[in-house]
Amino acid sequence: MPTYQYACNACAHEFEAFQSFSDASLTQCPECKGEIRKVYSAVGVVFKGSGFYKTDSAKKTTASEPVKTEPAPAAPAAPKAD
């Protein structure tokens, strides 16, 4: 459940509230019953586990497995000189 941060416009009281996405925003300060506002700040995102990068899910080759390569395309034949 997300945590939202609020600040009161009247008394500057700051607090956090655990609310569902579908819950309405709070409108009243619990200290002075004044009007409050949501406080927005930067959120740090950390991706843990495998599979977040292209190299994480790539098949790893071992020393016993030969690396398969495509042969280079053949050069076009030169025209014959008569």
Protein backbone atom coordinates (compact mmCIF):
# COMPACT_ATOMS: atom_id res chain seq x y z
CA MET A 1 0.00 0.00 0.00
CA PRO A 2 1.47 3.42 -0.96
CA THR A 3 2.57 5.97 1.61
CA TYR A 4 1.58 9.58 0.95
CA GLN A 5 3.12 12.59 2.63
CA TYR A 6 0.92 15.55 3.63
CA ALA A 7 1.60 19.03 5.03
CA CYS A 8 -0.85 21.44 6.65
CA ASN A 9 -1.15 24.90 5.10
CA ALA A 10 -2.20 26.46 8.43
CA CYS A 11 0.09 24.95 11.12
CA ALA A 12 2.85 23.39 8.92
CA HIS A 13 2.26 19.97 10.54
CA GLU A 14 3.71 17.20 8.32
CA PHE A 15 2.58 13.57 8.42
CA GLU A 16 2.38 10.39 6.34
CA ALA A 17 -0.69 8.32 5.52
CA PHE A 18 -0.95 4.77 4.18
CA GLN A 19 -3.70 4.79 1.56
CA SER A 20 -4.86 2.60 -1.27
CA PHE A 21 -4.72 3.97 -4.83
CA SER A 22 -8.52 4.06 -4.87
CA ASP A 23 -8.85 6.03 -1.58
CA ALA A 24 -9.67 9.74 -1.78
CA SER A 25 -6.95 12.21 -0.74
CA LEU A 26 -7.07 13.53 2.80
CA THR A 27 -8.30 17.13 3.14
CA GLN A 28 -8.12 17.97 6.87
CA CYS A 29 -5.16 18.26 9.26
CA PRO A 30 -5.44 15.93 12.28
CA GLU A 31 -3.81 18.60 14.53
CA CYS A 32 -5.66 21.84 13.74
CA LYS A 33 -8.38 20.71 11.27
CA GLY A 34 -6.90 23.11 8.66
CA GLU A 35 -6.52 22.49 4.93
CA ILE A 36 -3.71 20.11 3.90
CA ARG A 37 -1.84 19.37 0.68
CA LYS A 38 0.10 16.41 -0.65
CA VAL A 39 3.88 16.75 -0.65
CA TYR A 40 5.58 15.34 -3.73
CA SER A 41 9.23 14.31 -3.75
CA ALA A 42 11.59 12.29 -5.90
CA VAL A 43 11.28 8.54 -5.51
CA GLY A 44 14.28 6.24 -5.73
CA VAL A 45 13.61 3.10 -7.73
CA VAL A 46 15.72 0.00 -7.21
CA PHE A 47 15.34 -3.02 -9.50
CA LYS A 48 16.45 -6.17 -7.73
CA GLY A 49 16.79 -9.63 -9.21
CA SER A 50 17.64 -10.92 -12.63
CA GLY A 51 16.07 -10.07 -15.94
CA PHE A 52 16.11 -6.28 -15.83
CA TYR A 53 18.90 -5.88 -18.34
CA LYS A 54 19.47 -7.44 -21.75
CA THR A 55 22.66 -9.10 -20.52
CA ASP A 56 20.89 -10.68 -17.53
CA SER A 57 18.69 -12.93 -19.65
CA ALA A 58 21.16 -13.67 -22.43
CA LYS A 59 22.31 -17.28 -22.73
CA LYS A 60 25.79 -17.62 -21.41
CA THR A 61 28.28 -19.78 -23.35
CA THR A 62 30.78 -22.03 -21.65
CA ALA A 63 34.30 -22.93 -22.70
CA SER A 64 33.12 -26.36 -23.93
CA GLU A 65 30.50 -24.85 -26.27
CA PRO A 66 31.84 -23.43 -29.52
CA VAL A 67 30.60 -19.96 -30.45
CA LYS A 68 28.50 -20.11 -33.62
CA THR A 69 29.19 -17.42 -36.20
CA GLU A 70 27.61 -16.65 -39.56
CA PRO A 71 29.92 -17.04 -42.59
CA ALA A 72 30.75 -13.77 -44.36
CA PRO A 73 28.80 -13.22 -47.58
CA ALA A 74 30.75 -14.05 -50.75
CA ALA A 75 31.98 -11.13 -52.83
CA PRO A 76 30.30 -10.77 -56.25
CA ALA A 77 32.25 -12.29 -59.15
CA ALA A 78 34.27 -9.86 -61.24
CA PRO A 79 33.23 -9.56 -64.91
CA LYS A 80 35.44 -11.43 -67.39
CA ALA A 81 37.68 -9.35 -69.60
CA ASP A 82 37.39 -10.40 -73.29
